[in-house]
Amino acid sequence: MEIKISNQALKWFKEDIGLKKGDKLRFYTQVYGNSPIQKGYSLAFTQEEPLKIAASTDLDGILFFVEDGDVWYFDGHDLHVDYNAKEDELKYEYVKP
Protein backbone atom coordinates (compact mmCIF):
# COMPACT_ATOMS: atom_id res chain seq x y z
CA MET A 1 0.00 0.00 0.00
CA GLU A 2 1.22 3.47 -0.90
CA ILE A 3 0.18 6.86 0.41
CA LYS A 4 0.47 9.79 -1.99
CA ILE A 5 -0.17 13.38 -0.89
CA SER A 6 -0.55 16.06 -3.56
CA ASN A 7 1.28 19.39 -3.23
CA GLN A 8 -2.09 21.12 -2.75
CA ALA A 9 -3.06 18.72 0.05
CA LEU A 10 0.35 19.15 1.72
CA LYS A 11 -0.11 22.92 1.60
CA TRP A 12 -3.58 22.53 3.17
CA PHE A 13 -2.22 20.34 5.98
CA LYS A 14 0.48 22.91 6.71
CA GLU A 15 -1.73 26.02 6.54
CA ASP A 16 -5.08 24.79 7.91
CA ILE A 17 -3.95 22.10 10.34
CA GLY A 18 -0.62 23.74 11.18
CA LEU A 19 1.56 20.71 10.47
CA LYS A 20 5.29 21.32 10.46
CA LYS A 21 8.52 19.37 10.17
CA GLY A 22 8.62 16.58 12.76
CA ASP A 23 4.82 16.18 12.99
CA LYS A 24 3.07 12.88 12.37
CA LEU A 25 -0.40 12.43 10.91
CA ARG A 26 -2.32 9.16 11.01
CA PHE A 27 -5.10 8.25 8.58
CA TYR A 28 -7.54 5.93 10.35
CA THR A 29 -10.89 4.21 9.93
CA GLN A 30 -13.98 5.62 11.58
CA VAL A 31 -17.22 3.72 12.02
CA TYR A 32 -19.65 6.01 10.24
CA GLY A 33 -20.04 7.54 6.82
CA ASN A 34 -19.34 5.76 3.57
CA SER A 35 -16.47 5.53 1.18
CA PRO A 36 -16.19 4.10 -2.33
CA ILE A 37 -14.48 1.01 -0.89
CA GLN A 38 -16.21 0.40 2.49
CA LYS A 39 -19.88 0.94 3.34
CA GLY A 40 -20.47 2.20 6.86
CA TYR A 41 -16.88 3.38 7.28
CA SER A 42 -14.94 6.46 6.30
CA LEU A 43 -11.44 7.83 6.59
CA ALA A 44 -10.31 10.41 9.15
CA PHE A 45 -6.98 11.73 10.38
CA THR A 46 -5.37 12.72 13.66
CA GLN A 47 -1.96 13.82 14.88
CA GLU A 48 -0.34 11.08 16.95
CA GLU A 49 2.77 9.00 17.32
CA PRO A 50 2.85 5.78 15.29
CA LEU A 51 2.78 2.37 16.95
CA LYS A 52 2.87 -0.16 14.10
CA ILE A 53 3.10 1.51 10.69
CA ALA A 54 1.77 -0.42 7.69
CA ALA A 55 2.28 2.34 5.11
CA SER A 56 3.79 5.81 5.24
CA THR A 57 5.22 8.69 3.29
CA ASP A 58 7.38 11.59 4.46
CA LEU A 59 6.93 15.02 2.88
CA ASP A 60 8.85 18.06 4.09
CA GLY A 61 9.66 16.19 7.30
CA ILE A 62 5.99 15.38 8.03
CA LEU A 63 5.18 11.68 8.39
CA PHE A 64 1.80 10.61 6.98
CA PHE A 65 0.92 7.03 7.92
CA VAL A 66 -1.61 4.22 8.28
CA GLU A 67 -1.39 1.79 11.18
CA ASP A 68 -1.38 -1.97 10.65
CA GLY A 69 -4.85 -2.31 12.22
CA ASP A 70 -6.44 -0.05 9.59
CA VAL A 71 -5.06 -1.71 6.45
CA TRP A 72 -8.23 -3.83 6.01
CA TYR A 73 -10.17 -0.64 5.22
CA PHE A 74 -8.15 0.01 2.05
CA ASP A 75 -8.96 -3.44 0.59
CA GLY A 76 -5.76 -3.57 -1.47
CA HIS A 77 -5.97 0.06 -2.66
CA ASP A 78 -3.39 2.84 -2.43
CA LEU A 79 -4.45 6.12 -0.84
CA HIS A 80 -4.12 9.34 -2.86
CA VAL A 81 -4.93 12.53 -0.96
CA ASP A 82 -5.68 15.74 -2.86
CA TYR A 83 -7.27 19.07 -2.02
CA ASN A 84 -10.41 20.44 -3.70
CA ALA A 85 -10.11 24.25 -3.54
CA LYS A 86 -13.66 24.83 -4.81
CA GLU A 87 -15.17 22.84 -1.94
CA ASP A 88 -12.31 23.65 0.49
CA GLU A 89 -11.87 20.02 1.52
CA LEU A 90 -9.59 17.05 1.15
CA LYS A 91 -10.36 14.47 -1.51
CA TYR A 92 -9.47 10.83 -0.89
CA GLU A 93 -8.97 8.60 -3.89
CA TYR A 94 -8.54 4.84 -3.55
CA VAL A 95 -6.45 3.43 -6.39
CA LYS A 96 -5.82 -0.23 -7.22
CA PRO A 97 -2.08 -0.66 -7.88
PDB file of N, CA and C in Angstrom:
ATOM      1  N   MET A   1       0.838  -1.181   0.000  1.00  0.00           N
ATOM      2  CA  MET A   1       0.000   0.000   0.000  1.00  0.00           C
ATOM      3  C   MET A   1       0.879   1.237   0.000  1.00  0.00           C
ATOM      4  N   GLU A   2       0.504   2.207  -0.841  1.00  0.00           N
ATOM      5  CA  GLU A   2       1.223   3.473  -0.901  1.00  0.00           C
ATOM      6  C   GLU A   2       0.301   4.615  -0.499  1.00  0.00           C
ATOM      7  N   ILE A   3       0.900   5.634   0.083  1.00  0.00           N
ATOM      8  CA  ILE A   3       0.184   6.862   0.409  1.00  0.00           C
ATOM      9  C   ILE A   3       0.816   7.968  -0.421  1.00  0.00           C
ATOM     10  N   LYS A   4      -0.013   8.668  -1.188  1.00  0.00           N
ATOM     11  CA  LYS A   4       0.467   9.792  -1.989  1.00  0.00           C
ATOM     12  C   LYS A   4      -0.311  11.035  -1.570  1.00  0.00           C
ATOM     13  N   ILE A   5       0.412  12.101  -1.301  1.00  0.00           N
ATOM     14  CA  ILE A   5      -0.172  13.378  -0.886  1.00  0.00           C
ATOM     15  C   ILE A   5       0.175  14.409  -1.954  1.00  0.00           C
ATOM     16  N   SER A   6      -0.827  15.051  -2.542  1.00  0.00           N
ATOM     17  CA  SER A   6      -0.550  16.062  -3.559  1.00  0.00           C
ATOM     18  C   SER A   6       0.070  17.303  -2.908  1.00  0.00           C
ATOM     19  N   ASN A   7       0.697  18.133  -3.730  1.00  0.00           N
ATOM     20  CA  ASN A   7       1.278  19.388  -3.234  1.00  0.00           C
ATOM     21  C   ASN A   7       0.205  20.290  -2.636  1.00  0.00           C
ATOM     22  N   GLN A   8      -0.995  20.303  -3.255  1.00  0.00           N
ATOM     23  CA  GLN A   8      -2.088  21.120  -2.749  1.00  0.00           C
ATOM     24  C   GLN A   8      -2.565  20.616  -1.384  1.00  0.00           C
ATOM     25  N   ALA A   9      -2.639  19.300  -1.232  1.00  0.00           N
ATOM     26  CA  ALA A   9      -3.055  18.721   0.052  1.00  0.00           C
ATOM     27  C   ALA A   9      -1.997  18.993   1.119  1.00  0.00           C
ATOM     28  N   LEU A  10      -0.723  18.867   0.767  1.00  0.00           N
ATOM     29  CA  LEU A  10       0.349  19.149   1.717  1.00  0.00           C
ATOM     30  C   LEU A  10       0.270  20.601   2.184  1.00  0.00           C
ATOM     31  N   LYS A  11       0.038  21.505   1.250  1.00  0.00           N
ATOM     32  CA  LYS A  11      -0.106  22.923   1.599  1.00  0.00           C
ATOM     33  C   LYS A  11      -1.283  23.116   2.557  1.00  0.00           C
ATOM     34  N   TRP A  12      -2.402  22.442   2.302  1.00  0.00           N
ATOM     35  CA  TRP A  12      -3.576  22.534   3.169  1.00  0.00           C
ATOM     36  C   TRP A  12      -3.252  22.030   4.577  1.00  0.00           C
ATOM     37  N   PHE A  13      -2.595  20.876   4.669  1.00  0.00           N
ATOM     38  CA  PHE A  13      -2.218  20.338   5.980  1.00  0.00           C
ATOM     39  C   PHE A  13      -1.332  21.319   6.744  1.00  0.00           C
ATOM     40  N   LYS A  14      -0.415  21.967   6.050  1.00  0.00           N
ATOM     41  CA  LYS A  14       0.484  22.915   6.706  1.00  0.00           C
ATOM     42  C   LYS A  14      -0.256  24.187   7.143  1.00  0.00           C
ATOM     43  N   GLU A  15      -1.075  24.733   6.257  1.00  0.00           N
ATOM     44  CA  GLU A  15      -1.726  26.015   6.541  1.00  0.00           C
ATOM     45  C   GLU A  15      -2.962  25.883   7.434  1.00  0.00           C
ATOM     46  N   ASP A  16      -3.815  24.903   7.161  1.00  0.00           N
ATOM     47  CA  ASP A  16      -5.079  24.790   7.906  1.00  0.00           C
ATOM     48  C   ASP A  16      -4.947  23.974   9.189  1.00  0.00           C
ATOM     49  N   ILE A  17      -4.129  22.954   9.163  1.00  0.00           N
ATOM     50  CA  ILE A  17      -3.945  22.100  10.345  1.00  0.00           C
ATOM     51  C   ILE A  17      -2.737  22.567  11.152  1.00  0.00           C
ATOM     52  N   GLY A  18      -1.808  23.240  10.485  1.00  0.00           N
ATOM     53  CA  GLY A  18      -0.621  23.741  11.178  1.00  0.00           C
ATOM     54  C   GLY A  18       0.490  22.717  11.294  1.00  0.00           C
ATOM     55  N   LEU A  19       0.490  21.703  10.406  1.00  0.00           N
ATOM     56  CA  LEU A  19       1.556  20.708  10.465  1.00  0.00           C
ATOM     57  C   LEU A  19       2.885  21.333  10.087  1.00  0.00           C
ATOM     58  N   LYS A  20       3.938  20.835  10.735  1.00  0.00           N
ATOM     59  CA  LYS A  20       5.290  21.321  10.457  1.00  0.00           C
ATOM     60  C   LYS A  20       6.264  20.148  10.542  1.00  0.00           C
ATOM     61  N   LYS A  21       7.476  20.397  10.147  1.00  0.00           N
ATOM     62  CA  LYS A  21       8.516  19.372  10.165  1.00  0.00           C
ATOM     63  C   LYS A  21       8.558  18.697  11.535  1.00  0.00           C
ATOM     64  N   GLY A  22       8.584  17.362  11.524  1.00  0.00           N
ATOM     65  CA  GLY A  22       8.616  16.582  12.756  1.00  0.00           C
ATOM     66  C   GLY A  22       7.248  16.084  13.200  1.00  0.00           C
ATOM     67  N   ASP A  23       6.172  16.633  12.628  1.00  0.00           N
ATOM     68  CA  ASP A  23       4.819  16.182  12.990  1.00  0.00           C
ATOM     69  C   ASP A  23       4.491  14.858  12.311  1.00  0.00           C
ATOM     70  N   LYS A  24       3.525  14.170  12.891  1.00  0.00           N
ATOM     71  CA  LYS A  24       3.075  12.877  12.374  1.00  0.00           C
ATOM     72  C   LYS A  24       1.558  12.902  12.276  1.00  0.00           C
ATOM     73  N   LEU A  25       1.035  12.428  11.129  1.00  0.00           N
ATOM     74  CA  LEU A  25      -0.396  12.431  10.913  1.00  0.00           C
ATOM     75  C   LEU A  25      -0.854  11.040  10.498  1.00  0.00           C
ATOM     76  N   ARG A  26      -1.793  10.509  11.255  1.00  0.00           N
ATOM     77  CA  ARG A  26      -2.316   9.159  11.006  1.00  0.00           C
ATOM     78  C   ARG A  26      -3.662   9.240  10.293  1.00  0.00           C
ATOM     79  N   PHE A  27      -3.804   8.465   9.208  1.00  0.00           N
ATOM     80  CA  PHE A  27      -5.098   8.248   8.579  1.00  0.00           C
ATOM     81  C   PHE A  27      -5.682   6.990   9.206  1.00  0.00           C
ATOM     82  N   TYR A  28      -6.931   7.077   9.668  1.00  0.00           N
ATOM     83  CA  TYR A  28      -7.538   5.934  10.348  1.00  0.00           C
ATOM     84  C   TYR A  28      -8.996   5.754   9.936  1.00  0.00           C
ATOM     85  N   THR A  29      -9.515   4.591  10.256  1.00  0.00           N
ATOM     86  CA  THR A  29     -10.886   4.214   9.929  1.00  0.00           C
ATOM     87  C   THR A  29     -11.836   4.684  11.017  1.00  0.00           C
ATOM     88  N   GLN A  30     -12.945   5.284  10.600  1.00  0.00           N
ATOM     89  CA  GLN A  30     -13.982   5.623  11.579  1.00  0.00           C
ATOM     90  C   GLN A  30     -15.274   4.908  11.178  1.00  0.00           C
ATOM     91  N   VAL A  31     -16.072   4.599  12.186  1.00  0.00           N
ATOM     92  CA  VAL A  31     -17.216   3.718  12.022  1.00  0.00           C
ATOM     93  C   VAL A  31     -18.498   4.453  11.638  1.00  0.00           C
ATOM     94  N   TYR A  32     -18.438   5.412  10.788  1.00  0.00           N
ATOM     95  CA  TYR A  32     -19.650   6.013  10.241  1.00  0.00           C
ATOM     96  C   TYR A  32     -19.288   6.657   8.916  1.00  0.00           C
ATOM     97  N   GLY A  33     -20.288   6.997   8.148  1.00  0.00           N
ATOM     98  CA  GLY A  33     -20.043   7.536   6.819  1.00  0.00           C
ATOM     99  C   GLY A  33     -19.905   6.406   5.820  1.00  0.00           C
ATOM    100  N   ASN A  34     -19.562   6.743   4.635  1.00  0.00           N
ATOM    101  CA  ASN A  34     -19.343   5.762   3.574  1.00  0.00           C
ATOM    102  C   ASN A  34     -18.175   6.212   2.719  1.00  0.00           C
ATOM    103  N   SER A  35     -17.536   5.246   2.125  1.00  0.00           N
ATOM    104  CA  SER A  35     -16.468   5.534   1.179  1.00  0.00           C
ATOM    105  C   SER A  35     -16.709   4.663  -0.049  1.00  0.00           C
ATOM    106  N   PRO A  36     -16.007   4.928  -1.124  1.00  0.00           N
ATOM    107  CA  PRO A  36     -16.187   4.097  -2.325  1.00  0.00           C
ATOM    108  C   PRO A  36     -15.766   2.640  -2.126  1.00  0.00           C
ATOM    109  N   ILE A  37     -14.981   2.375  -1.076  1.00  0.00           N
ATOM    110  CA  ILE A  37     -14.482   1.008  -0.888  1.00  0.00           C
ATOM    111  C   ILE A  37     -15.053   0.295   0.338  1.00  0.00           C
ATOM    112  N   GLN A  38     -15.659   1.021   1.272  1.00  0.00           N
ATOM    113  CA  GLN A  38     -16.212   0.402   2.491  1.00  0.00           C
ATOM    114  C   GLN A  38     -17.516   1.106   2.889  1.00  0.00           C
ATOM    115  N   LYS A  39     -18.608   0.370   2.880  1.00  0.00           N
ATOM    116  CA  LYS A  39     -19.878   0.940   3.344  1.00  0.00           C
ATOM    117  C   LYS A  39     -19.900   0.964   4.868  1.00  0.00           C
ATOM    118  N   GLY A  40     -20.384   2.065   5.418  1.00  0.00           N
ATOM    119  CA  GLY A  40     -20.474   2.198   6.863  1.00  0.00           C
ATOM    120  C   GLY A  40     -19.198   2.663   7.536  1.00  0.00           C
ATOM    121  N   TYR A  41     -18.158   2.919   6.740  1.00  0.00           N
ATOM    122  CA  TYR A  41     -16.876   3.377   7.278  1.00  0.00           C
ATOM    123  C   TYR A  41     -16.347   4.524   6.420  1.00  0.00           C
ATOM    124  N   SER A  42     -15.593   5.396   7.045  1.00  0.00           N
ATOM    125  CA  SER A  42     -14.943   6.465   6.297  1.00  0.00           C
ATOM    126  C   SER A  42     -13.546   6.690   6.859  1.00  0.00           C
ATOM    127  N   LEU A  43     -12.814   7.565   6.208  1.00  0.00           N
ATOM    128  CA  LEU A  43     -11.437   7.827   6.593  1.00  0.00           C
ATOM    129  C   LEU A  43     -11.363   9.155   7.340  1.00  0.00           C
ATOM    130  N   ALA A  44     -10.541   9.194   8.366  1.00  0.00           N
ATOM    131  CA  ALA A  44     -10.312  10.409   9.146  1.00  0.00           C
ATOM    132  C   ALA A  44      -8.805  10.513   9.396  1.00  0.00           C
ATOM    133  N   PHE A  45      -8.400  11.587  10.043  1.00  0.00           N
ATOM    134  CA  PHE A  45      -6.983  11.730  10.384  1.00  0.00           C
ATOM    135  C   PHE A  45      -6.836  12.400  11.744  1.00  0.00           C
ATOM    136  N   THR A  46      -5.699  12.140  12.367  1.00  0.00           N
ATOM    137  CA  THR A  46      -5.368  12.722  13.658  1.00  0.00           C
ATOM    138  C   THR A  46      -3.854  12.811  13.781  1.00  0.00           C
ATOM    139  N   GLN A  47      -3.384  13.728  14.604  1.00  0.00           N
ATOM    140  CA  GLN A  47      -1.964  13.822  14.881  1.00  0.00           C
ATOM    141  C   GLN A  47      -1.649  12.923  16.071  1.00  0.00           C
ATOM    142  N   GLU A  48      -0.771  11.964  15.857  1.00  0.00           N
ATOM    143  CA  GLU A  48      -0.342  11.079  16.946  1.00  0.00           C
ATOM    144  C   GLU A  48       0.925  10.355  16.550  1.00  0.00           C
ATOM    145  N   GLU A  49       1.558   9.777  17.540  1.00  0.00           N
ATOM    146  CA  GLU A  49       2.772   8.997  17.320  1.00  0.00           C
ATOM    147  C   GLU A  49       2.393   7.614  16.781  1.00  0.00           C
ATOM    148  N   PRO A  50       3.147   7.107  15.815  1.00  0.00           N
ATOM    149  CA  PRO A  50       2.851   5.777  15.285  1.00  0.00           C
ATOM    150  C   PRO A  50       3.227   4.663  16.260  1.00  0.00           C
ATOM    151  N   LEU A  51       2.477   3.567  16.157  1.00  0.00           N
ATOM    152  CA  LEU A  51       2.779   2.370  16.950  1.00  0.00           C
ATOM    153  C   LEU A  51       3.287   1.252  16.043  1.00  0.00           C
ATOM    154  N   LYS A  52       2.491   0.907  15.025  1.00  0.00           N
ATOM    155  CA  LYS A  52       2.870  -0.164  14.098  1.00  0.00           C
ATOM    156  C   LYS A  52       2.461   0.272  12.686  1.00  0.00           C
ATOM    157  N   ILE A  53       3.371   0.933  12.007  1.00  0.00           N
ATOM    158  CA  ILE A  53       3.099   1.509  10.691  1.00  0.00           C
ATOM    159  C   ILE A  53       3.009   0.419   9.624  1.00  0.00           C
ATOM    160  N   ALA A  54       1.932   0.485   8.836  1.00  0.00           N
ATOM    161  CA  ALA A  54       1.766  -0.417   7.693  1.00  0.00           C
ATOM    162  C   ALA A  54       2.176   0.267   6.394  1.00  0.00           C
ATOM    163  N   ALA A  55       1.923   1.571   6.299  1.00  0.00           N
ATOM    164  CA  ALA A  55       2.281   2.344   5.110  1.00  0.00           C
ATOM    165  C   ALA A  55       2.553   3.775   5.551  1.00  0.00           C
ATOM    166  N   SER A  56       3.485   4.430   4.874  1.00  0.00           N
ATOM    167  CA  SER A  56       3.792   5.809   5.238  1.00  0.00           C
ATOM    168  C   SER A  56       4.467   6.529   4.085  1.00  0.00           C
ATOM    169  N   THR A  57       4.458   7.837   4.187  1.00  0.00           N
ATOM    170  CA  THR A  57       5.222   8.693   3.291  1.00  0.00           C
ATOM    171  C   THR A  57       5.661   9.913   4.089  1.00  0.00           C
ATOM    172  N   ASP A  58       6.831  10.425   3.767  1.00  0.00           N
ATOM    173  CA  ASP A  58       7.376  11.586   4.465  1.00  0.00           C
ATOM    174  C   ASP A  58       7.510  12.725   3.462  1.00  0.00           C
ATOM    175  N   LEU A  59       6.850  13.837   3.739  1.00  0.00           N
ATOM    176  CA  LEU A  59       6.928  15.016   2.881  1.00  0.00           C
ATOM    177  C   LEU A  59       7.306  16.217   3.730  1.00  0.00           C
ATOM    178  N   ASP A  60       8.360  16.889   3.357  1.00  0.00           N
ATOM    179  CA  ASP A  60       8.851  18.063   4.085  1.00  0.00           C
ATOM    180  C   ASP A  60       9.018  17.783   5.579  1.00  0.00           C
ATOM    181  N   GLY A  61       9.431  16.550   5.908  1.00  0.00           N
ATOM    182  CA  GLY A  61       9.656  16.192   7.302  1.00  0.00           C
ATOM    183  C   GLY A  61       8.404  15.856   8.080  1.00  0.00           C
ATOM    184  N   ILE A  62       7.256  15.769   7.395  1.00  0.00           N
ATOM    185  CA  ILE A  62       5.987  15.375   8.029  1.00  0.00           C
ATOM    186  C   ILE A  62       5.700  13.936   7.648  1.00  0.00           C
ATOM    187  N   LEU A  63       5.467  13.094   8.633  1.00  0.00           N
ATOM    188  CA  LEU A  63       5.177  11.683   8.390  1.00  0.00           C
ATOM    189  C   LEU A  63       3.670  11.477   8.312  1.00  0.00           C
ATOM    190  N   PHE A  64       3.190  10.989   7.173  1.00  0.00           N
ATOM    191  CA  PHE A  64       1.795  10.607   6.980  1.00  0.00           C
ATOM    192  C   PHE A  64       1.769   9.083   6.990  1.00  0.00           C
ATOM    193  N   PHE A  65       0.869   8.483   7.793  1.00  0.00           N
ATOM    194  CA  PHE A  65       0.919   7.030   7.915  1.00  0.00           C
ATOM    195  C   PHE A  65      -0.446   6.393   8.181  1.00  0.00           C
ATOM    196  N   VAL A  66      -0.468   5.076   7.972  1.00  0.00           N
ATOM    197  CA  VAL A  66      -1.607   4.219   8.284  1.00  0.00           C
ATOM    198  C   VAL A  66      -1.077   3.115   9.179  1.00  0.00           C
ATOM    199  N   GLU A  67      -1.782   2.861  10.263  1.00  0.00           N
ATOM    200  CA  GLU A  67      -1.393   1.788  11.183  1.00  0.00           C
ATOM    201  C   GLU A  67      -1.808   0.429  10.618  1.00  0.00           C
ATOM    202  N   ASP A  68      -1.126  -0.600  11.068  1.00  0.00           N
ATOM    203  CA  ASP A  68      -1.377  -1.967  10.649  1.00  0.00           C
ATOM    204  C   ASP A  68      -2.851  -2.369  10.838  1.00  0.00           C
ATOM    205  N   GLY A  69      -3.469  -1.942  11.929  1.00  0.00           N
ATOM    206  CA  GLY A  69      -4.847  -2.315  12.221  1.00  0.00           C
ATOM    207  C   GLY A  69      -5.892  -1.685  11.315  1.00  0.00           C
ATOM    208  N   ASP A  70      -5.492  -0.709  10.496  1.00  0.00           N
ATOM    209  CA  ASP A  70      -6.441  -0.047   9.593  1.00  0.00           C
ATOM    210  C   ASP A  70      -6.265  -0.443   8.126  1.00  0.00           C
ATOM    211  N   VAL A  71      -5.332  -1.322   7.838  1.00  0.00           N
ATOM    212  CA  VAL A  71      -5.063  -1.707   6.447  1.00  0.00           C
ATOM    213  C   VAL A  71      -6.272  -2.381   5.800  1.00  0.00           C
ATOM    214  N   TRP A  72      -7.055  -3.133   6.569  1.00  0.00           N
ATOM    215  CA  TRP A  72      -8.230  -3.825   6.012  1.00  0.00           C
ATOM    216  C   TRP A  72      -9.154  -2.862   5.277  1.00  0.00           C
ATOM    217  N   TYR A  73      -9.262  -1.642   5.785  1.00  0.00           N
ATOM    218  CA  TYR A  73     -10.167  -0.645   5.224  1.00  0.00           C
ATOM    219  C   TYR A  73      -9.851  -0.368   3.747  1.00  0.00           C
ATOM    220  N   PHE A  74      -8.579  -0.372   3.395  1.00  0.00           N
ATOM    221  CA  PHE A  74      -8.147   0.007   2.048  1.00  0.00           C
ATOM    222  C   PHE A  74      -8.341  -1.105   1.024  1.00  0.00           C
ATOM    223  N   ASP A  75      -8.599  -2.322   1.468  1.00  0.00           N
ATOM    224  CA  ASP A  75      -8.963  -3.439   0.593  1.00  0.00           C
ATOM    225  C   ASP A  75      -8.038  -3.544  -0.625  1.00  0.00           C
ATOM    226  N   GLY A  76      -6.740  -3.424  -0.389  1.00  0.00           N
ATOM    227  CA  GLY A  76      -5.764  -3.571  -1.469  1.00  0.00           C
ATOM    228  C   GLY A  76      -5.544  -2.319  -2.309  1.00  0.00           C
ATOM    229  N   HIS A  77      -6.111  -1.188  -1.918  1.00  0.00           N
ATOM    230  CA  HIS A  77      -5.967   0.064  -2.657  1.00  0.00           C
ATOM    231  C   HIS A  77      -4.861   0.934  -2.055  1.00  0.00           C
ATOM    232  N   ASP A  78      -4.279   1.778  -2.905  1.00  0.00           N
ATOM    233  CA  ASP A  78      -3.394   2.840  -2.434  1.00  0.00           C
ATOM    234  C   ASP A  78      -4.261   4.035  -2.080  1.00  0.00           C
ATOM    235  N   LEU A  79      -3.744   4.907  -1.231  1.00  0.00           N
ATOM    236  CA  LEU A  79      -4.450   6.124  -0.843  1.00  0.00           C
ATOM    237  C   LEU A  79      -3.788   7.330  -1.496  1.00  0.00           C
ATOM    238  N   HIS A  80      -4.576   8.078  -2.274  1.00  0.00           N
ATOM    239  CA  HIS A  80      -4.119   9.338  -2.859  1.00  0.00           C
ATOM    240  C   HIS A  80      -4.936  10.453  -2.217  1.00  0.00           C
ATOM    241  N   VAL A  81      -4.259  11.432  -1.642  1.00  0.00           N
ATOM    242  CA  VAL A  81      -4.928  12.534  -0.957  1.00  0.00           C
ATOM    243  C   VAL A  81      -4.675  13.814  -1.759  1.00  0.00           C
ATOM    244  N   ASP A  82      -5.758  14.483  -2.113  1.00  0.00           N
ATOM    245  CA  ASP A  82      -5.675  15.739  -2.855  1.00  0.00           C
ATOM    246  C   ASP A  82      -6.534  16.777  -2.136  1.00  0.00           C
ATOM    247  N   TYR A  83      -6.482  18.003  -2.602  1.00  0.00           N
ATOM    248  CA  TYR A  83      -7.274  19.075  -2.015  1.00  0.00           C
ATOM    249  C   TYR A  83      -8.155  19.691  -3.089  1.00  0.00           C
ATOM    250  N   ASN A  84      -9.453  19.823  -2.791  1.00  0.00           N
ATOM    251  CA  ASN A  84     -10.407  20.437  -3.699  1.00  0.00           C
ATOM    252  C   ASN A  84     -10.633  21.877  -3.236  1.00  0.00           C
ATOM    253  N   ALA A  85     -10.032  22.833  -3.937  1.00  0.00           N
ATOM    254  CA  ALA A  85     -10.107  24.247  -3.535  1.00  0.00           C
ATOM    255  C   ALA A  85     -11.535  24.781  -3.629  1.00  0.00           C
ATOM    256  N   LYS A  86     -12.282  24.339  -4.623  1.00  0.00           N
ATOM    257  CA  LYS A  86     -13.656  24.830  -4.813  1.00  0.00           C
ATOM    258  C   LYS A  86     -14.531  24.491  -3.608  1.00  0.00           C
ATOM    259  N   GLU A  87     -14.377  23.272  -3.092  1.00  0.00           N
ATOM    260  CA  GLU A  87     -15.173  22.841  -1.937  1.00  0.00           C
ATOM    261  C   GLU A  87     -14.423  23.006  -0.617  1.00  0.00           C
ATOM    262  N   ASP A  88     -13.164  23.451  -0.687  1.00  0.00           N
ATOM    263  CA  ASP A  88     -12.314  23.650   0.486  1.00  0.00           C
ATOM    264  C   ASP A  88     -12.286  22.412   1.380  1.00  0.00           C
ATOM    265  N   GLU A  89     -11.961  21.264   0.757  1.00  0.00           N
ATOM    266  CA  GLU A  89     -11.875  20.020   1.519  1.00  0.00           C
ATOM    267  C   GLU A  89     -10.909  19.054   0.865  1.00  0.00           C
ATOM    268  N   LEU A  90     -10.458  18.103   1.671  1.00  0.00           N
ATOM    269  CA  LEU A  90      -9.595  17.052   1.153  1.00  0.00           C
ATOM    270  C   LEU A  90     -10.416  16.097   0.307  1.00  0.00           C
ATOM    271  N   LYS A  91      -9.734  15.478  -0.660  1.00  0.00           N
ATOM    272  CA  LYS A  91     -10.363  14.469  -1.510  1.00  0.00           C
ATOM    273  C   LYS A  91      -9.517  13.202  -1.391  1.00  0.00           C
ATOM    274  N   TYR A  92     -10.163  12.110  -0.992  1.00  0.00           N
ATOM    275  CA  TYR A  92      -9.471  10.829  -0.890  1.00  0.00           C
ATOM    276  C   TYR A  92      -9.816  10.006  -2.124  1.00  0.00           C
ATOM    277  N   GLU A  93      -8.771   9.476  -2.750  1.00  0.00           N
ATOM    278  CA  GLU A  93      -8.966   8.599  -3.895  1.00  0.00           C
ATOM    279  C   GLU A  93      -8.316   7.265  -3.561  1.00  0.00           C
ATOM    280  N   TYR A  94      -9.031   6.192  -3.824  1.00  0.00           N
ATOM    281  CA  TYR A  94      -8.536   4.839  -3.551  1.00  0.00           C
ATOM    282  C   TYR A  94      -8.213   4.195  -4.882  1.00  0.00           C
ATOM    283  N   VAL A  95      -6.942   3.875  -5.081  1.00  0.00           N
ATOM    284  CA  VAL A  95      -6.454   3.435  -6.386  1.00  0.00           C
ATOM    285  C   VAL A  95      -5.890   2.018  -6.281  1.00  0.00           C
ATOM    286  N   LYS A  96      -6.379   1.136  -7.144  1.00  0.00           N
ATOM    287  CA  LYS A  96      -5.819  -0.228  -7.220  1.00  0.00           C
ATOM    288  C   LYS A  96      -4.457  -0.148  -7.893  1.00  0.00           C
ATOM    289  N   PRO A  97      -3.417  -0.694  -7.268  1.00  0.00           N
ATOM    290  CA  PRO A  97      -2.075  -0.656  -7.884  1.00  0.00           C
ATOM    291  C   PRO A  97      -1.993  -1.564  -9.109  1.00  0.00           C
TER     292      PRO A  97
END
